[in-house]
C-alpha atoms as a PDB file:
ATOM      1  CA  MET A   1      31.913 -91.028   8.851  1.00  0.00           C
ATOM      2  CA  ARG A   2      33.129 -90.680   5.261  1.00  0.00           C
ATOM      3  CA  ALA A   3      32.653 -94.406   4.655  1.00  0.00           C
ATOM      4  CA  LEU A   4      29.000 -94.136   5.665  1.00  0.00           C
ATOM      5  CA  VAL A   5      28.427 -91.351   3.141  1.00  0.00           C
ATOM      6  CA  VAL A   6      30.082 -93.366   0.373  1.00  0.00           C
ATOM      7  CA  ARG A   7      28.090 -96.435   1.359  1.00  0.00           C
ATOM      8  CA  SER A   8      24.841 -94.463   1.304  1.00  0.00           C
ATOM      9  CA  ARG A   9      25.620 -93.070  -2.119  1.00  0.00           C
ATOM     10  CA  ALA A  10      26.527 -96.520  -3.400  1.00  0.00           C
ATOM     11  CA  GLU A  11      23.287 -97.926  -1.993  1.00  0.00           C
ATOM     12  CA  PHE A  12      21.390 -95.032  -3.527  1.00  0.00           C
ATOM     13  CA  VAL A  13      22.914 -95.679  -6.959  1.00  0.00           C
ATOM     14  CA  TYR A  14      22.142 -99.378  -6.578  1.00  0.00           C
ATOM     15  CA  SER A  15      18.545 -98.563  -5.589  1.00  0.00           C
ATOM     16  CA  ARG A  16      18.126 -96.283  -8.583  1.00  0.00           C
ATOM     17  CA  LEU A  17      19.513 -98.991 -10.863  1.00  0.00           C
ATOM     18  CA  MET A  18      17.090-101.545  -9.419  1.00  0.00           C
ATOM     19  CA  VAL A  19      14.126 -99.221  -9.929  1.00  0.00           C
ATOM     20  CA  GLU A  20      15.252 -98.399 -13.452  1.00  0.00           C
ATOM     21  CA  ASP A  21      15.678-102.109 -14.177  1.00  0.00           C
ATOM     22  CA  ARG A  22      12.155-102.812 -12.949  1.00  0.00           C
ATOM     23  CA  ILE A  23      10.731-100.048 -15.115  1.00  0.00           C
ATOM     24  CA  ARG A  24      12.611-101.389 -18.169  1.00  0.00           C
ATOM     25  CA  ASN A  25      11.365-104.890 -17.404  1.00  0.00           C
ATOM     26  CA  ILE A  26       7.748-103.718 -17.278  1.00  0.00           C
ATOM     27  CA  GLU A  27       8.236-101.672 -20.466  1.00  0.00           C
ATOM     28  CA  SER A  28       9.653-104.699 -22.248  1.00  0.00           C
ATOM     29  CA  ARG A  29       6.766-106.887 -21.192  1.00  0.00           C
ATOM     30  CA  VAL A  30       4.191-104.276 -22.179  1.00  0.00           C
ATOM     31  CA  GLN A  31       5.763-103.713 -25.592  1.00  0.00           C
ATOM     32  CA  GLY A  32       6.128-107.444 -26.205  1.00  0.00           C
ATOM     33  CA  SER A  33       2.594-108.344 -25.192  1.00  0.00           C
ATOM     34  CA  LYS A  34       0.429-109.566 -28.014  1.00  0.00           C
ATOM     35  CA  ASN A  35      -2.690-109.563 -25.828  1.00  0.00           C
ATOM     36  CA  LEU A  36      -2.763-105.885 -24.858  1.00  0.00           C
ATOM     37  CA  PRO A  37      -4.645-103.427 -27.034  1.00  0.00           C
ATOM     38  CA  GLU A  38      -2.459-100.636 -28.431  1.00  0.00           C
ATOM     39  CA  ALA A  39      -4.338 -98.028 -26.390  1.00  0.00           C
ATOM     40  CA  THR A  40      -3.530 -99.911 -23.165  1.00  0.00           C
ATOM     41  CA  LYS A  41       0.109-100.300 -24.179  1.00  0.00           C
ATOM     42  CA  SER A  42       0.306 -96.598 -24.901  1.00  0.00           C
ATOM     43  CA  GLU A  43      -1.284 -95.698 -21.558  1.00  0.00           C
ATOM     44  CA  LEU A  44       1.109 -97.942 -19.637  1.00  0.00           C
ATOM     45  CA  MET A  45       4.135 -96.637 -21.525  1.00  0.00           C
ATOM     46  CA  ASP A  46       3.078 -93.053 -20.787  1.00  0.00           C
ATOM     47  CA  ILE A  47       2.762 -93.846 -17.082  1.00  0.00           C
ATOM     48  CA  LEU A  48       6.170 -95.562 -17.025  1.00  0.00           C
ATOM     49  CA  THR A  49       7.826 -92.638 -18.814  1.00  0.00           C
ATOM     50  CA  ALA A  50       6.303 -90.157 -16.376  1.00  0.00           C
ATOM     51  CA  LEU A  51       7.245 -92.368 -13.423  1.00  0.00           C
ATOM     52  CA  ARG A  52      10.858 -92.537 -14.584  1.00  0.00           C
ATOM     53  CA  GLU A  53      11.002 -88.759 -14.965  1.00  0.00           C
ATOM     54  CA  GLU A  54       9.416 -88.188 -11.554  1.00  0.00           C
ATOM     55  CA  LEU A  55      11.882 -90.550  -9.875  1.00  0.00           C
ATOM     56  CA  ARG A  56      14.707 -88.273 -10.975  1.00  0.00           C
ATOM     57  CA  GLY A  57      13.408 -85.722  -8.461  1.00  0.00           C
ATOM     58  CA  VAL A  58      13.594 -88.084  -5.490  1.00  0.00           C
ATOM     59  CA  ASN A  59      16.698 -87.530  -3.393  1.00  0.00           C
ATOM     60  CA  SER A  60      18.727 -90.273  -1.742  1.00  0.00           C
ATOM     61  CA  GLU A  61      17.363 -89.618   1.756  1.00  0.00           C
ATOM     62  CA  HIS A  62      13.776 -90.133   0.645  1.00  0.00           C
ATOM     63  CA  LEU A  63      14.619 -93.287  -1.309  1.00  0.00           C
ATOM     64  CA  GLU A  64      16.582 -94.753   1.604  1.00  0.00           C
ATOM     65  CA  ARG A  65      13.738 -94.009   4.030  1.00  0.00           C
ATOM     66  CA  ALA A  66      11.280 -95.710   1.694  1.00  0.00           C
ATOM     67  CA  GLU A  67      13.470 -98.793   1.455  1.00  0.00           C
ATOM     68  CA  GLY A  68      14.113 -98.896   5.198  1.00  0.00           C
ATOM     69  CA  ALA A  69      10.426 -98.534   6.015  1.00  0.00           C
ATOM     70  CA  SER A  70       9.734-102.153   5.160  1.00  0.00           C
ATOM     71  CA  GLU A  71      12.333-103.452   7.623  1.00  0.00           C
ATOM     72  CA  VAL A  72      11.233-104.423  11.129  1.00  0.00           C
ATOM     73  CA  PRO A  73      13.951-103.482  13.629  1.00  0.00           C
ATOM     74  CA  HIS A  74      14.917-106.179  16.135  1.00  0.00           C
ATOM     75  CA  GLY A  75      12.652-106.014  19.173  1.00  0.00           C
ATOM     76  CA  GLU A  76       9.999-103.857  17.514  1.00  0.00           C
ATOM     77  CA  SER A  77       6.447-105.152  17.453  1.00  0.00           C
ATOM     78  CA  LEU A  78       4.670-105.679  14.157  1.00  0.00           C
ATOM     79  CA  ASP A  79       2.132-102.996  15.103  1.00  0.00           C
ATOM     80  CA  ASP A  80       4.924-100.477  15.722  1.00  0.00           C
ATOM     81  CA  ALA A  81       6.610-101.440  12.451  1.00  0.00           C
ATOM     82  CA  LEU A  82       3.331-101.044  10.524  1.00  0.00           C
ATOM     83  CA  GLY A  83       2.776 -97.682  12.177  1.00  0.00           C
ATOM     84  CA  GLY A  84       6.253 -96.603  11.084  1.00  0.00           C
ATOM     85  CA  LEU A  85       5.623 -97.834   7.561  1.00  0.00           C
ATOM     86  CA  THR A  86       2.333 -95.962   7.376  1.00  0.00           C
ATOM     87  CA  GLY A  87       4.041 -92.790   8.597  1.00  0.00           C
ATOM     88  CA  THR A  88       6.843 -93.100   6.075  1.00  0.00           C
ATOM     89  CA  VAL A  89       4.437 -93.725   3.202  1.00  0.00           C
ATOM     90  CA  SER A  90       2.385 -90.696   4.245  1.00  0.00           C
ATOM     91  CA  GLU A  91       5.527 -88.536   4.350  1.00  0.00           C
ATOM     92  CA  LEU A  92       6.647 -89.740   0.924  1.00  0.00           C
ATOM     93  CA  GLU A  93       3.199 -89.133  -0.528  1.00  0.00           C
ATOM     94  CA  ALA A  94       3.233 -85.603   0.902  1.00  0.00           C
ATOM     95  CA  MET A  95       6.752 -84.886  -0.421  1.00  0.00           C
ATOM     96  CA  HIS A  96       6.228 -86.540  -3.816  1.00  0.00           C
ATOM     97  CA  PRO A  97       2.499 -86.468  -4.631  1.00  0.00           C
ATOM     98  CA  ARG A  98       3.010 -86.865  -8.383  1.00  0.00           C
ATOM     99  CA  LEU A  99       5.253 -89.898  -7.876  1.00  0.00           C
ATOM    100  CA  SER A 100       2.647 -91.441  -5.568  1.00  0.00           C
ATOM    101  CA  GLU A 101      -0.104 -90.762  -8.085  1.00  0.00           C
ATOM    102  CA  LEU A 102       1.874 -92.357 -10.915  1.00  0.00           C
ATOM    103  CA  ALA A 103       2.792 -95.421  -8.853  1.00  0.00           C
ATOM    104  CA  ASN A 104      -0.860 -95.854  -7.892  1.00  0.00           C
ATOM    105  CA  ARG A 105      -2.002 -95.449 -11.507  1.00  0.00           C
ATOM    106  CA  LEU A 106       0.487 -98.073 -12.652  1.00  0.00           C
ATOM    107  CA  ALA A 107      -0.456-100.495  -9.879  1.00  0.00           C
ATOM    108  CA  THR A 108      -4.160-100.021 -10.589  1.00  0.00           C
ATOM    109  CA  ALA A 109      -3.733-100.466 -14.346  1.00  0.00           C
ATOM    110  CA  LEU A 110      -1.717-103.659 -13.851  1.00  0.00           C
ATOM    111  CA  ALA A 111      -4.159-104.975 -11.239  1.00  0.00           C
ATOM    112  CA  ASN A 112      -7.084-104.334 -13.579  1.00  0.00           C
ATOM    113  CA  MET A 113      -5.328-106.514 -16.151  1.00  0.00           C
ATOM    114  CA  GLY A 114      -4.880-109.287 -13.589  1.00  0.00           C
ATOM    115  CA  ILE A 115      -1.137-108.724 -13.289  1.00  0.00           C
END
């Protein structure tokens, strides 16, 4: 049982590092863009900063559930898997509404720029 706890913590740390790396990557691209107006850069950087801060409040169980939600267990139908994903997303949105709002704002802002 101890090995499972260590593994989960290691996976959690790895997940956090991946998320942090993605945020840094987006920040770097935003800052380096010559085509974005300064106001847009500032808005995106503010969202990324807030997103990073909000992620600090997400515990390992919630992060692991979010990652596992996209996996389809062997023998499970696609409809059942999608239902499980929808349920997990709804739970995460209820537990972390600010995080959900920030992720949606970032996705919308990037989509509006064609990214």
